[in-house]
Amino acid sequence: MFEDWDEWIRSLKKDSKEKLILVEGKKDKKALTMLGIRPEAIITLKGKAMFKIVEEIVDYGKECIILFDLDKKGKELYAEISKLLRRFGIKVDNRYRNFLFKTKLRQIEGILHYLKTIEA
């Protein structure tokens, strides 16, 4: 598990070189790219069929990171897509998501604002 936000961000940057990161929408992707995550490593769910996303991840590799919001909808989407991915042999790296549950952040798109408030 990660000790702090700096370690979480550093590790996510490193892992984004080998794993795809799945987020719900464009604002989530923008927030992660502003943290220095490679945009080409981030896939947005919005407007795409679930099977197309699964195909893209299967074609890319054997592991991915899912960073959906921690609200009811995000949890439901997470359960659905992680089950599908596992069925196709894709391992879901839950370390990043588990860290978020230990914080007050609930929306990925708000990560920059959240980090500013905890640094103040």
PDB file of N, CA and C in Angstrom:
ATOM      1  N   MET A   1       0.845  -1.190   0.000  1.00  0.00           N
ATOM      2  CA  MET A   1       0.000   0.000   0.000  1.00  0.00           C
ATOM      3  C   MET A   1       0.881   1.240   0.000  1.00  0.00           C
ATOM      4  N   PHE A   2       0.329   2.332  -0.386  1.00  0.00           N
ATOM      5  CA  PHE A   2       1.078   3.576  -0.504  1.00  0.00           C
ATOM      6  C   PHE A   2       1.090   4.327   0.822  1.00  0.00           C
ATOM      7  N   GLU A   3       2.204   4.981   1.099  1.00  0.00           N
ATOM      8  CA  GLU A   3       2.357   5.753   2.332  1.00  0.00           C
ATOM      9  C   GLU A   3       1.641   7.098   2.252  1.00  0.00           C
ATOM     10  N   ASP A   4       1.705   7.732   1.051  1.00  0.00           N
ATOM     11  CA  ASP A   4       1.133   9.073   0.898  1.00  0.00           C
ATOM     12  C   ASP A   4       0.804   9.345  -0.570  1.00  0.00           C
ATOM     13  N   TRP A   5       0.272  10.522  -0.816  1.00  0.00           N
ATOM     14  CA  TRP A   5      -0.114  10.905  -2.179  1.00  0.00           C
ATOM     15  C   TRP A   5       1.071  10.962  -3.126  1.00  0.00           C
ATOM     16  N   ASP A   6       2.219  11.443  -2.652  1.00  0.00           N
ATOM     17  CA  ASP A   6       3.391  11.525  -3.533  1.00  0.00           C
ATOM     18  C   ASP A   6       3.774  10.144  -4.050  1.00  0.00           C
ATOM     19  N   GLU A   7       3.775   9.172  -3.170  1.00  0.00           N
ATOM     20  CA  GLU A   7       4.117   7.809  -3.564  1.00  0.00           C
ATOM     21  C   GLU A   7       3.052   7.245  -4.522  1.00  0.00           C
ATOM     22  N   TRP A   8       1.780   7.543  -4.246  1.00  0.00           N
ATOM     23  CA  TRP A   8       0.680   7.079  -5.094  1.00  0.00           C
ATOM     24  C   TRP A   8       0.851   7.623  -6.512  1.00  0.00           C
ATOM     25  N   ILE A   9       1.134   8.921  -6.621  1.00  0.00           N
ATOM     26  CA  ILE A   9       1.290   9.554  -7.936  1.00  0.00           C
ATOM     27  C   ILE A   9       2.535   9.024  -8.653  1.00  0.00           C
ATOM     28  N   ARG A  10       3.651   8.946  -7.951  1.00  0.00           N
ATOM     29  CA  ARG A  10       4.892   8.420  -8.563  1.00  0.00           C
ATOM     30  C   ARG A  10       4.677   7.009  -9.107  1.00  0.00           C
ATOM     31  N   SER A  11       4.058   6.171  -8.311  1.00  0.00           N
ATOM     32  CA  SER A  11       3.828   4.785  -8.705  1.00  0.00           C
ATOM     33  C   SER A  11       2.855   4.697  -9.883  1.00  0.00           C
ATOM     34  N   LEU A  12       1.820   5.531  -9.876  1.00  0.00           N
ATOM     35  CA  LEU A  12       0.855   5.536 -10.978  1.00  0.00           C
ATOM     36  C   LEU A  12       1.528   5.966 -12.283  1.00  0.00           C
ATOM     37  N   LYS A  13       2.397   6.969 -12.205  1.00  0.00           N
ATOM     38  CA  LYS A  13       3.142   7.396 -13.400  1.00  0.00           C
ATOM     39  C   LYS A  13       3.965   6.240 -13.949  1.00  0.00           C
ATOM     40  N   LYS A  14       4.658   5.549 -13.059  1.00  0.00           N
ATOM     41  CA  LYS A  14       5.510   4.419 -13.459  1.00  0.00           C
ATOM     42  C   LYS A  14       4.664   3.301 -14.068  1.00  0.00           C
ATOM     43  N   ASP A  15       3.575   2.929 -13.391  1.00  0.00           N
ATOM     44  CA  ASP A  15       2.732   1.842 -13.879  1.00  0.00           C
ATOM     45  C   ASP A  15       2.023   2.185 -15.180  1.00  0.00           C
ATOM     46  N   SER A  16       1.796   3.481 -15.443  1.00  0.00           N
ATOM     47  CA  SER A  16       1.105   3.869 -16.677  1.00  0.00           C
ATOM     48  C   SER A  16       1.952   3.602 -17.921  1.00  0.00           C
ATOM     49  N   LYS A  17       3.207   3.265 -17.722  1.00  0.00           N
ATOM     50  CA  LYS A  17       4.066   2.903 -18.863  1.00  0.00           C
ATOM     51  C   LYS A  17       3.791   1.474 -19.318  1.00  0.00           C
ATOM     52  N   GLU A  18       3.212   0.656 -18.423  1.00  0.00           N
ATOM     53  CA  GLU A  18       2.968  -0.751 -18.734  1.00  0.00           C
ATOM     54  C   GLU A  18       1.501  -1.148 -18.678  1.00  0.00           C
ATOM     55  N   LYS A  19       0.690  -0.377 -17.964  1.00  0.00           N
ATOM     56  CA  LYS A  19      -0.708  -0.739 -17.761  1.00  0.00           C
ATOM     57  C   LYS A  19      -1.611   0.392 -18.239  1.00  0.00           C
ATOM     58  N   LEU A  20      -2.787   0.023 -18.715  1.00  0.00           N
ATOM     59  CA  LEU A  20      -3.786   1.030 -19.058  1.00  0.00           C
ATOM     60  C   LEU A  20      -4.541   1.432 -17.795  1.00  0.00           C
ATOM     61  N   ILE A  21      -4.982   2.675 -17.759  1.00  0.00           N
ATOM     62  CA  ILE A  21      -5.773   3.186 -16.648  1.00  0.00           C
ATOM     63  C   ILE A  21      -7.157   3.507 -17.190  1.00  0.00           C
ATOM     64  N   LEU A  22      -8.163   2.940 -16.568  1.00  0.00           N
ATOM     65  CA  LEU A  22      -9.534   3.130 -17.009  1.00  0.00           C
ATOM     66  C   LEU A  22     -10.241   4.111 -16.083  1.00  0.00           C
ATOM     67  N   VAL A  23     -10.804   5.177 -16.672  1.00  0.00           N
ATOM     68  CA  VAL A  23     -11.548   6.188 -15.912  1.00  0.00           C
ATOM     69  C   VAL A  23     -12.937   6.356 -16.528  1.00  0.00           C
ATOM     70  N   GLU A  24     -13.815   7.046 -15.806  1.00  0.00           N
ATOM     71  CA  GLU A  24     -15.185   7.207 -16.291  1.00  0.00           C
ATOM     72  C   GLU A  24     -15.304   8.225 -17.425  1.00  0.00           C
ATOM     73  N   GLY A  25     -14.713   9.406 -17.286  1.00  0.00           N
ATOM     74  CA  GLY A  25     -14.938  10.445 -18.284  1.00  0.00           C
ATOM     75  C   GLY A  25     -13.730  11.299 -18.601  1.00  0.00           C
ATOM     76  N   LYS A  26     -13.952  12.277 -19.499  1.00  0.00           N
ATOM     77  CA  LYS A  26     -12.883  13.153 -19.978  1.00  0.00           C
ATOM     78  C   LYS A  26     -12.272  14.010 -18.869  1.00  0.00           C
ATOM     79  N   LYS A  27     -13.097  14.466 -17.925  1.00  0.00           N
ATOM     80  CA  LYS A  27     -12.582  15.293 -16.833  1.00  0.00           C
ATOM     81  C   LYS A  27     -11.650  14.486 -15.924  1.00  0.00           C
ATOM     82  N   ASP A  28     -11.962  13.200 -15.743  1.00  0.00           N
ATOM     83  CA  ASP A  28     -11.093  12.322 -14.959  1.00  0.00           C
ATOM     84  C   ASP A  28      -9.742  12.159 -15.664  1.00  0.00           C
ATOM     85  N   LYS A  29      -9.804  11.943 -16.975  1.00  0.00           N
ATOM     86  CA  LYS A  29      -8.575  11.792 -17.766  1.00  0.00           C
ATOM     87  C   LYS A  29      -7.740  13.065 -17.693  1.00  0.00           C
ATOM     88  N   LYS A  30      -8.396  14.215 -17.838  1.00  0.00           N
ATOM     89  CA  LYS A  30      -7.680  15.495 -17.782  1.00  0.00           C
ATOM     90  C   LYS A  30      -6.995  15.681 -16.428  1.00  0.00           C
ATOM     91  N   ALA A  31      -7.692  15.348 -15.344  1.00  0.00           N
ATOM     92  CA  ALA A  31      -7.119  15.494 -14.003  1.00  0.00           C
ATOM     93  C   ALA A  31      -5.869  14.622 -13.848  1.00  0.00           C
ATOM     94  N   LEU A  32      -5.925  13.395 -14.356  1.00  0.00           N
ATOM     95  CA  LEU A  32      -4.764  12.502 -14.240  1.00  0.00           C
ATOM     96  C   LEU A  32      -3.604  12.972 -15.118  1.00  0.00           C
ATOM     97  N   THR A  33      -3.906  13.475 -16.312  1.00  0.00           N
ATOM     98  CA  THR A  33      -2.814  13.965 -17.169  1.00  0.00           C
ATOM     99  C   THR A  33      -2.155  15.193 -16.545  1.00  0.00           C
ATOM    100  N   MET A  34      -2.931  16.003 -15.821  1.00  0.00           N
ATOM    101  CA  MET A  34      -2.349  17.166 -15.147  1.00  0.00           C
ATOM    102  C   MET A  34      -1.433  16.746 -13.990  1.00  0.00           C
ATOM    103  N   LEU A  35      -1.587  15.507 -13.529  1.00  0.00           N
ATOM    104  CA  LEU A  35      -0.681  14.968 -12.511  1.00  0.00           C
ATOM    105  C   LEU A  35       0.587  14.390 -13.147  1.00  0.00           C
ATOM    106  N   GLY A  36       0.588  14.328 -14.491  1.00  0.00           N
ATOM    107  CA  GLY A  36       1.762  13.810 -15.186  1.00  0.00           C
ATOM    108  C   GLY A  36       1.608  12.394 -15.713  1.00  0.00           C
ATOM    109  N   ILE A  37       0.390  11.882 -15.686  1.00  0.00           N
ATOM    110  CA  ILE A  37       0.137  10.542 -16.225  1.00  0.00           C
ATOM    111  C   ILE A  37       0.027  10.649 -17.743  1.00  0.00           C
ATOM    112  N   ARG A  38       0.645   9.712 -18.438  1.00  0.00           N
ATOM    113  CA  ARG A  38       0.623   9.717 -19.904  1.00  0.00           C
ATOM    114  C   ARG A  38      -0.815   9.594 -20.429  1.00  0.00           C
ATOM    115  N   PRO A  39      -1.285  10.556 -21.231  1.00  0.00           N
ATOM    116  CA  PRO A  39      -2.674  10.513 -21.727  1.00  0.00           C
ATOM    117  C   PRO A  39      -2.977   9.266 -22.548  1.00  0.00           C
ATOM    118  N   GLU A  40      -1.992   8.765 -23.273  1.00  0.00           N
ATOM    119  CA  GLU A  40      -2.231   7.578 -24.102  1.00  0.00           C
ATOM    120  C   GLU A  40      -2.419   6.309 -23.267  1.00  0.00           C
ATOM    121  N   ALA A  41      -2.120   6.378 -21.975  1.00  0.00           N
ATOM    122  CA  ALA A  41      -2.314   5.227 -21.089  1.00  0.00           C
ATOM    123  C   ALA A  41      -3.696   5.246 -20.436  1.00  0.00           C
ATOM    124  N   ILE A  42      -4.459   6.313 -20.673  1.00  0.00           N
ATOM    125  CA  ILE A  42      -5.753   6.470 -20.002  1.00  0.00           C
ATOM    126  C   ILE A  42      -6.898   6.255 -20.990  1.00  0.00           C
ATOM    127  N   ILE A  43      -7.801   5.361 -20.644  1.00  0.00           N
ATOM    128  CA  ILE A  43      -8.979   5.084 -21.466  1.00  0.00           C
ATOM    129  C   ILE A  43     -10.204   5.602 -20.718  1.00  0.00           C
ATOM    130  N   THR A  44     -11.062   6.330 -21.437  1.00  0.00           N
ATOM    131  CA  THR A  44     -12.310   6.786 -20.813  1.00  0.00           C
ATOM    132  C   THR A  44     -13.444   5.846 -21.201  1.00  0.00           C
ATOM    133  N   LEU A  45     -14.316   5.624 -20.255  1.00  0.00           N
ATOM    134  CA  LEU A  45     -15.458   4.741 -20.439  1.00  0.00           C
ATOM    135  C   LEU A  45     -16.576   5.435 -21.208  1.00  0.00           C
ATOM    136  N   LYS A  46     -16.716   6.732 -21.000  1.00  0.00           N
ATOM    137  CA  LYS A  46     -17.833   7.514 -21.529  1.00  0.00           C
ATOM    138  C   LYS A  46     -18.017   7.327 -23.035  1.00  0.00           C
ATOM    139  N   GLY A  47     -19.227   6.929 -23.416  1.00  0.00           N
ATOM    140  CA  GLY A  47     -19.578   6.844 -24.826  1.00  0.00           C
ATOM    141  C   GLY A  47     -19.068   5.621 -25.563  1.00  0.00           C
ATOM    142  N   LYS A  48     -18.485   4.669 -24.855  1.00  0.00           N
ATOM    143  CA  LYS A  48     -17.968   3.473 -25.513  1.00  0.00           C
ATOM    144  C   LYS A  48     -18.719   2.250 -24.998  1.00  0.00           C
ATOM    145  N   ALA A  49     -18.874   1.280 -25.872  1.00  0.00           N
ATOM    146  CA  ALA A  49     -19.493   0.020 -25.464  1.00  0.00           C
ATOM    147  C   ALA A  49     -18.519  -0.734 -24.559  1.00  0.00           C
ATOM    148  N   MET A  50     -19.050  -1.371 -23.542  1.00  0.00           N
ATOM    149  CA  MET A  50     -18.229  -2.082 -22.571  1.00  0.00           C
ATOM    150  C   MET A  50     -17.320  -3.114 -23.245  1.00  0.00           C
ATOM    151  N   PHE A  51     -17.851  -3.864 -24.216  1.00  0.00           N
ATOM    152  CA  PHE A  51     -17.048  -4.894 -24.863  1.00  0.00           C
ATOM    153  C   PHE A  51     -15.878  -4.298 -25.656  1.00  0.00           C
ATOM    154  N   LYS A  52     -16.059  -3.069 -26.202  1.00  0.00           N
ATOM    155  CA  LYS A  52     -14.970  -2.406 -26.939  1.00  0.00           C
ATOM    156  C   LYS A  52     -13.825  -2.050 -25.997  1.00  0.00           C
ATOM    157  N   ILE A  53     -14.171  -1.594 -24.813  1.00  0.00           N
ATOM    158  CA  ILE A  53     -13.163  -1.242 -23.817  1.00  0.00           C
ATOM    159  C   ILE A  53     -12.406  -2.480 -23.379  1.00  0.00           C
ATOM    160  N   VAL A  54     -13.151  -3.551 -23.130  1.00  0.00           N
ATOM    161  CA  VAL A  54     -12.521  -4.818 -22.725  1.00  0.00           C
ATOM    162  C   VAL A  54     -11.578  -5.299 -23.824  1.00  0.00           C
ATOM    163  N   GLU A  55     -12.015  -5.228 -25.068  1.00  0.00           N
ATOM    164  CA  GLU A  55     -11.155  -5.640 -26.196  1.00  0.00           C
ATOM    165  C   GLU A  55      -9.866  -4.821 -26.235  1.00  0.00           C
ATOM    166  N   GLU A  56      -9.994  -3.522 -26.061  1.00  0.00           N
ATOM    167  CA  GLU A  56      -8.828  -2.631 -26.096  1.00  0.00           C
ATOM    168  C   GLU A  56      -7.825  -3.002 -24.993  1.00  0.00           C
ATOM    169  N   ILE A  57      -8.332  -3.270 -23.808  1.00  0.00           N
ATOM    170  CA  ILE A  57      -7.455  -3.620 -22.688  1.00  0.00           C
ATOM    171  C   ILE A  57      -6.819  -4.989 -22.916  1.00  0.00           C
ATOM    172  N   VAL A  58      -7.600  -5.952 -23.400  1.00  0.00           N
ATOM    173  CA  VAL A  58      -7.078  -7.297 -23.683  1.00  0.00           C
ATOM    174  C   VAL A  58      -5.976  -7.210 -24.733  1.00  0.00           C
ATOM    175  N   ASP A  59      -6.168  -6.385 -25.763  1.00  0.00           N
ATOM    176  CA  ASP A  59      -5.161  -6.226 -26.814  1.00  0.00           C
ATOM    177  C   ASP A  59      -3.875  -5.588 -26.278  1.00  0.00           C
ATOM    178  N   TYR A  60      -4.002  -4.750 -25.241  1.00  0.00           N
ATOM    179  CA  TYR A  60      -2.860  -4.009 -24.718  1.00  0.00           C
ATOM    180  C   TYR A  60      -1.987  -4.833 -23.778  1.00  0.00           C
ATOM    181  N   GLY A  61      -2.591  -5.596 -22.901  1.00  0.00           N
ATOM    182  CA  GLY A  61      -1.777  -6.317 -21.937  1.00  0.00           C
ATOM    183  C   GLY A  61      -2.589  -7.177 -20.997  1.00  0.00           C
ATOM    184  N   LYS A  62      -1.958  -7.573 -19.913  1.00  0.00           N
ATOM    185  CA  LYS A  62      -2.576  -8.514 -18.983  1.00  0.00           C
ATOM    186  C   LYS A  62      -2.989  -7.889 -17.655  1.00  0.00           C
ATOM    187  N   GLU A  63      -2.820  -6.586 -17.527  1.00  0.00           N
ATOM    188  CA  GLU A  63      -3.175  -5.933 -16.268  1.00  0.00           C
ATOM    189  C   GLU A  63      -3.622  -4.500 -16.533  1.00  0.00           C
ATOM    190  N   CYS A  64      -4.575  -4.014 -15.722  1.00  0.00           N
ATOM    191  CA  CYS A  64      -5.010  -2.626 -15.852  1.00  0.00           C
ATOM    192  C   CYS A  64      -5.362  -2.062 -14.477  1.00  0.00           C
ATOM    193  N   ILE A  65      -5.522  -0.749 -14.453  1.00  0.00           N
ATOM    194  CA  ILE A  65      -5.886  -0.016 -13.238  1.00  0.00           C
ATOM    195  C   ILE A  65      -7.236   0.641 -13.504  1.00  0.00           C
ATOM    196  N   ILE A  66      -8.182   0.466 -12.588  1.00  0.00           N
ATOM    197  CA  ILE A  66      -9.491   1.098 -12.734  1.00  0.00           C
ATOM    198  C   ILE A  66      -9.606   2.195 -11.680  1.00  0.00           C
ATOM    199  N   LEU A  67      -9.781   3.429 -12.144  1.00  0.00           N
ATOM    200  CA  LEU A  67      -9.947   4.561 -11.237  1.00  0.00           C
ATOM    201  C   LEU A  67     -11.290   5.239 -11.498  1.00  0.00           C
ATOM    202  N   PHE A  68     -12.352   4.557 -11.108  1.00  0.00           N
ATOM    203  CA  PHE A  68     -13.686   5.130 -11.199  1.00  0.00           C
ATOM    204  C   PHE A  68     -13.973   5.880  -9.909  1.00  0.00           C
ATOM    205  N   ASP A  69     -14.953   6.780  -9.976  1.00  0.00           N
ATOM    206  CA  ASP A  69     -15.356   7.509  -8.779  1.00  0.00           C
ATOM    207  C   ASP A  69     -15.806   6.525  -7.696  1.00  0.00           C
ATOM    208  N   LEU A  70     -15.743   6.973  -6.466  1.00  0.00           N
ATOM    209  CA  LEU A  70     -16.081   6.101  -5.343  1.00  0.00           C
ATOM    210  C   LEU A  70     -17.527   6.301  -4.880  1.00  0.00           C
ATOM    211  N   ASP A  71     -18.369   6.788  -5.785  1.00  0.00           N
ATOM    212  CA  ASP A  71     -19.791   6.919  -5.491  1.00  0.00           C
ATOM    213  C   ASP A  71     -20.505   5.622  -5.912  1.00  0.00           C
ATOM    214  N   LYS A  72     -21.819   5.602  -5.739  1.00  0.00           N
ATOM    215  CA  LYS A  72     -22.588   4.386  -6.032  1.00  0.00           C
ATOM    216  C   LYS A  72     -22.426   3.948  -7.492  1.00  0.00           C
ATOM    217  N   LYS A  73     -22.563   4.891  -8.415  1.00  0.00           N
ATOM    218  CA  LYS A  73     -22.443   4.572  -9.839  1.00  0.00           C
ATOM    219  C   LYS A  73     -21.051   4.030 -10.173  1.00  0.00           C
ATOM    220  N   GLY A  74     -20.030   4.690  -9.635  1.00  0.00           N
ATOM    221  CA  GLY A  74     -18.659   4.249  -9.883  1.00  0.00           C
ATOM    222  C   GLY A  74     -18.385   2.856  -9.347  1.00  0.00           C
ATOM    223  N   LYS A  75     -18.938   2.567  -8.183  1.00  0.00           N
ATOM    224  CA  LYS A  75     -18.756   1.232  -7.589  1.00  0.00           C
ATOM    225  C   LYS A  75     -19.456   0.165  -8.427  1.00  0.00           C
ATOM    226  N   GLU A  76     -20.644   0.492  -8.946  1.00  0.00           N
ATOM    227  CA  GLU A  76     -21.374  -0.456  -9.800  1.00  0.00           C
ATOM    228  C   GLU A  76     -20.626  -0.702 -11.107  1.00  0.00           C
ATOM    229  N   LEU A  77     -20.143   0.363 -11.728  1.00  0.00           N
ATOM    230  CA  LEU A  77     -19.365   0.228 -12.965  1.00  0.00           C
ATOM    231  C   LEU A  77     -18.095  -0.581 -12.725  1.00  0.00           C
ATOM    232  N   TYR A  78     -17.441  -0.300 -11.600  1.00  0.00           N
ATOM    233  CA  TYR A  78     -16.220  -1.026 -11.251  1.00  0.00           C
ATOM    234  C   TYR A  78     -16.503  -2.529 -11.146  1.00  0.00           C
ATOM    235  N   ALA A  79     -17.563  -2.893 -10.446  1.00  0.00           N
ATOM    236  CA  ALA A  79     -17.900  -4.313 -10.266  1.00  0.00           C
ATOM    237  C   ALA A  79     -18.155  -4.978 -11.615  1.00  0.00           C
ATOM    238  N   GLU A  80     -18.883  -4.283 -12.480  1.00  0.00           N
ATOM    239  CA  GLU A  80     -19.236  -4.836 -13.785  1.00  0.00           C
ATOM    240  C   GLU A  80     -18.011  -5.034 -14.683  1.00  0.00           C
ATOM    241  N   ILE A  81     -17.208  -4.001 -14.808  1.00  0.00           N
ATOM    242  CA  ILE A  81     -16.082  -4.099 -15.748  1.00  0.00           C
ATOM    243  C   ILE A  81     -14.945  -4.956 -15.199  1.00  0.00           C
ATOM    244  N   SER A  82     -14.713  -4.932 -13.895  1.00  0.00           N
ATOM    245  CA  SER A  82     -13.638  -5.769 -13.351  1.00  0.00           C
ATOM    246  C   SER A  82     -13.981  -7.248 -13.514  1.00  0.00           C
ATOM    247  N   LYS A  83     -15.255  -7.581 -13.389  1.00  0.00           N
ATOM    248  CA  LYS A  83     -15.702  -8.967 -13.594  1.00  0.00           C
ATOM    249  C   LYS A  83     -15.465  -9.387 -15.052  1.00  0.00           C
ATOM    250  N   LEU A  84     -15.824  -8.506 -15.977  1.00  0.00           N
ATOM    251  CA  LEU A  84     -15.608  -8.782 -17.403  1.00  0.00           C
ATOM    252  C   LEU A  84     -14.126  -8.960 -17.724  1.00  0.00           C
ATOM    253  N   LEU A  85     -13.311  -8.065 -17.203  1.00  0.00           N
ATOM    254  CA  LEU A  85     -11.874  -8.129 -17.473  1.00  0.00           C
ATOM    255  C   LEU A  85     -11.269  -9.419 -16.938  1.00  0.00           C
ATOM    256  N   ARG A  86     -11.653  -9.794 -15.734  1.00  0.00           N
ATOM    257  CA  ARG A  86     -11.126 -11.039 -15.149  1.00  0.00           C
ATOM    258  C   ARG A  86     -11.528 -12.251 -15.982  1.00  0.00           C
ATOM    259  N   ARG A  87     -12.729 -12.202 -16.533  1.00  0.00           N
ATOM    260  CA  ARG A  87     -13.195 -13.294 -17.383  1.00  0.00           C
ATOM    261  C   ARG A  87     -12.283 -13.462 -18.603  1.00  0.00           C
ATOM    262  N   PHE A  88     -11.681 -12.359 -19.051  1.00  0.00           N
ATOM    263  CA  PHE A  88     -10.770 -12.400 -20.201  1.00  0.00           C
ATOM    264  C   PHE A  88      -9.301 -12.492 -19.788  1.00  0.00           C
ATOM    265  N   GLY A  89      -9.053 -12.800 -18.524  1.00  0.00           N
ATOM    266  CA  GLY A  89      -7.693 -13.016 -18.054  1.00  0.00           C
ATOM    267  C   GLY A  89      -6.921 -11.757 -17.717  1.00  0.00           C
ATOM    268  N   ILE A  90      -7.603 -10.634 -17.578  1.00  0.00           N
ATOM    269  CA  ILE A  90      -6.931  -9.377 -17.240  1.00  0.00           C
ATOM    270  C   ILE A  90      -6.960  -9.190 -15.730  1.00  0.00           C
ATOM    271  N   LYS A  91      -5.798  -8.963 -15.154  1.00  0.00           N
ATOM    272  CA  LYS A  91      -5.702  -8.705 -13.717  1.00  0.00           C
ATOM    273  C   LYS A  91      -5.972  -7.215 -13.472  1.00  0.00           C
ATOM    274  N   VAL A  92      -6.769  -6.920 -12.465  1.00  0.00           N
ATOM    275  CA  VAL A  92      -7.061  -5.537 -12.106  1.00  0.00           C
ATOM    276  C   VAL A  92      -6.213  -5.165 -10.893  1.00  0.00           C
ATOM    277  N   ASP A  93      -5.377  -4.146 -11.055  1.00  0.00           N
ATOM    278  CA  ASP A  93      -4.532  -3.658  -9.964  1.00  0.00           C
ATOM    279  C   ASP A  93      -5.378  -2.739  -9.080  1.00  0.00           C
ATOM    280  N   ASN A  94      -5.732  -3.223  -7.896  1.00  0.00           N
ATOM    281  CA  ASN A  94      -6.621  -2.490  -7.001  1.00  0.00           C
ATOM    282  C   ASN A  94      -5.900  -1.597  -5.993  1.00  0.00           C
ATOM    283  N   ARG A  95      -4.595  -1.577  -5.984  1.00  0.00           N
ATOM    284  CA  ARG A  95      -3.856  -0.809  -4.975  1.00  0.00           C
ATOM    285  C   ARG A  95      -4.210   0.680  -4.987  1.00  0.00           C
ATOM    286  N   TYR A  96      -4.346   1.246  -6.173  1.00  0.00           N
ATOM    287  CA  TYR A  96      -4.629   2.688  -6.295  1.00  0.00           C
ATOM    288  C   TYR A  96      -6.038   3.008  -5.802  1.00  0.00           C
ATOM    289  N   ARG A  97      -6.981   2.188  -6.175  1.00  0.00           N
ATOM    290  CA  ARG A  97      -8.370   2.363  -5.746  1.00  0.00           C
ATOM    291  C   ARG A  97      -8.496   2.181  -4.228  1.00  0.00           C
ATOM    292  N   ASN A  98      -7.832   1.168  -3.692  1.00  0.00           N
ATOM    293  CA  ASN A  98      -7.890   0.917  -2.250  1.00  0.00           C
ATOM    294  C   ASN A  98      -7.324   2.095  -1.455  1.00  0.00           C
ATOM    295  N   PHE A  99      -6.274   2.716  -1.972  1.00  0.00           N
ATOM    296  CA  PHE A  99      -5.709   3.903  -1.317  1.00  0.00           C
ATOM    297  C   PHE A  99      -6.745   5.023  -1.268  1.00  0.00           C
ATOM    298  N   LEU A 100      -7.468   5.222  -2.362  1.00  0.00           N
ATOM    299  CA  LEU A 100      -8.472   6.292  -2.430  1.00  0.00           C
ATOM    300  C   LEU A 100      -9.570   6.119  -1.383  1.00  0.00           C
ATOM    301  N   PHE A 101      -9.931   4.889  -1.088  1.00  0.00           N
ATOM    302  CA  PHE A 101     -10.966   4.640  -0.080  1.00  0.00           C
ATOM    303  C   PHE A 101     -10.531   5.125   1.308  1.00  0.00           C
ATOM    304  N   LYS A 102      -9.229   5.248   1.522  1.00  0.00           N
ATOM    305  CA  LYS A 102      -8.715   5.704   2.815  1.00  0.00           C
ATOM    306  C   LYS A 102      -8.614   7.228   2.885  1.00  0.00           C
ATOM    307  N   THR A 103      -9.025   7.899   1.808  1.00  0.00           N
ATOM    308  CA  THR A 103      -8.998   9.361   1.756  1.00  0.00           C
ATOM    309  C   THR A 103     -10.436   9.877   1.685  1.00  0.00           C
ATOM    310  N   LYS A 104     -10.580  11.187   1.656  1.00  0.00           N
ATOM    311  CA  LYS A 104     -11.912  11.783   1.514  1.00  0.00           C
ATOM    312  C   LYS A 104     -12.265  12.076   0.059  1.00  0.00           C
ATOM    313  N   LEU A 105     -11.335  11.825  -0.861  1.00  0.00           N
ATOM    314  CA  LEU A 105     -11.585  12.039  -2.287  1.00  0.00           C
ATOM    315  C   LEU A 105     -12.608  11.018  -2.786  1.00  0.00           C
ATOM    316  N   ARG A 106     -13.626  11.471  -3.496  1.00  0.00           N
ATOM    317  CA  ARG A 106     -14.643  10.560  -4.035  1.00  0.00           C
ATOM    318  C   ARG A 106     -14.806  10.691  -5.543  1.00  0.00           C
ATOM    319  N   GLN A 107     -14.338  11.808  -6.117  1.00  0.00           N
ATOM    320  CA  GLN A 107     -14.452  12.038  -7.562  1.00  0.00           C
ATOM    321  C   GLN A 107     -13.038  12.197  -8.124  1.00  0.00           C
ATOM    322  N   ILE A 108     -12.669  11.391  -9.097  1.00  0.00           N
ATOM    323  CA  ILE A 108     -11.340  11.439  -9.696  1.00  0.00           C
ATOM    324  C   ILE A 108     -11.078  12.819 -10.302  1.00  0.00           C
ATOM    325  N   GLU A 109     -12.082  13.414 -10.937  1.00  0.00           N
ATOM    326  CA  GLU A 109     -11.886  14.717 -11.578  1.00  0.00           C
ATOM    327  C   GLU A 109     -11.513  15.802 -10.572  1.00  0.00           C
ATOM    328  N   GLY A 110     -11.794  15.594  -9.293  1.00  0.00           N
ATOM    329  CA  GLY A 110     -11.491  16.579  -8.260  1.00  0.00           C
ATOM    330  C   GLY A 110     -10.172  16.362  -7.553  1.00  0.00           C
ATOM    331  N   ILE A 111      -9.325  15.507  -8.097  1.00  0.00           N
ATOM    332  CA  ILE A 111      -8.082  15.149  -7.407  1.00  0.00           C
ATOM    333  C   ILE A 111      -7.143  16.346  -7.208  1.00  0.00           C
ATOM    334  N   LEU A 112      -7.029  17.216  -8.207  1.00  0.00           N
ATOM    335  CA  LEU A 112      -6.119  18.368  -8.081  1.00  0.00           C
ATOM    336  C   LEU A 112      -6.589  19.325  -6.977  1.00  0.00           C
ATOM    337  N   HIS A 113      -7.884  19.598  -6.966  1.00  0.00           N
ATOM    338  CA  HIS A 113      -8.450  20.455  -5.930  1.00  0.00           C
ATOM    339  C   HIS A 113      -8.250  19.805  -4.540  1.00  0.00           C
ATOM    340  N   TYR A 114      -8.502  18.529  -4.474  1.00  0.00           N
ATOM    341  CA  TYR A 114      -8.350  17.805  -3.198  1.00  0.00           C
ATOM    342  C   TYR A 114      -6.906  17.880  -2.701  1.00  0.00           C
ATOM    343  N   LEU A 115      -5.961  17.668  -3.593  1.00  0.00           N
ATOM    344  CA  LEU A 115      -4.543  17.721  -3.187  1.00  0.00           C
ATOM    345  C   LEU A 115      -4.154  19.103  -2.682  1.00  0.00           C
ATOM    346  N   LYS A 116      -4.712  20.143  -3.300  1.00  0.00           N
ATOM    347  CA  LYS A 116      -4.427  21.514  -2.846  1.00  0.00           C
ATOM    348  C   LYS A 116      -4.982  21.749  -1.444  1.00  0.00           C
ATOM    349  N   THR A 117      -6.153  21.188  -1.152  1.00  0.00           N
ATOM    350  CA  THR A 117      -6.759  21.407   0.170  1.00  0.00           C
ATOM    351  C   THR A 117      -6.003  20.677   1.273  1.00  0.00           C
ATOM    352  N   ILE A 118      -5.436  19.517   0.960  1.00  0.00           N
ATOM    353  CA  ILE A 118      -4.716  18.798   2.022  1.00  0.00           C
ATOM    354  C   ILE A 118      -3.311  19.361   2.220  1.00  0.00           C
ATOM    355  N   GLU A 119      -2.790  20.058   1.211  1.00  0.00           N
ATOM    356  CA  GLU A 119      -1.457  20.678   1.335  1.00  0.00           C
ATOM    357  C   GLU A 119      -1.526  21.993   2.072  1.00  0.00           C
ATOM    358  N   ALA A 120      -2.692  22.627   2.074  1.00  0.00           N
ATOM    359  CA  ALA A 120      -2.846  23.953   2.691  1.00  0.00           C
ATOM    360  C   ALA A 120      -2.728  23.902   4.203  1.00  0.00           C
TER     361      ALA A 120
END
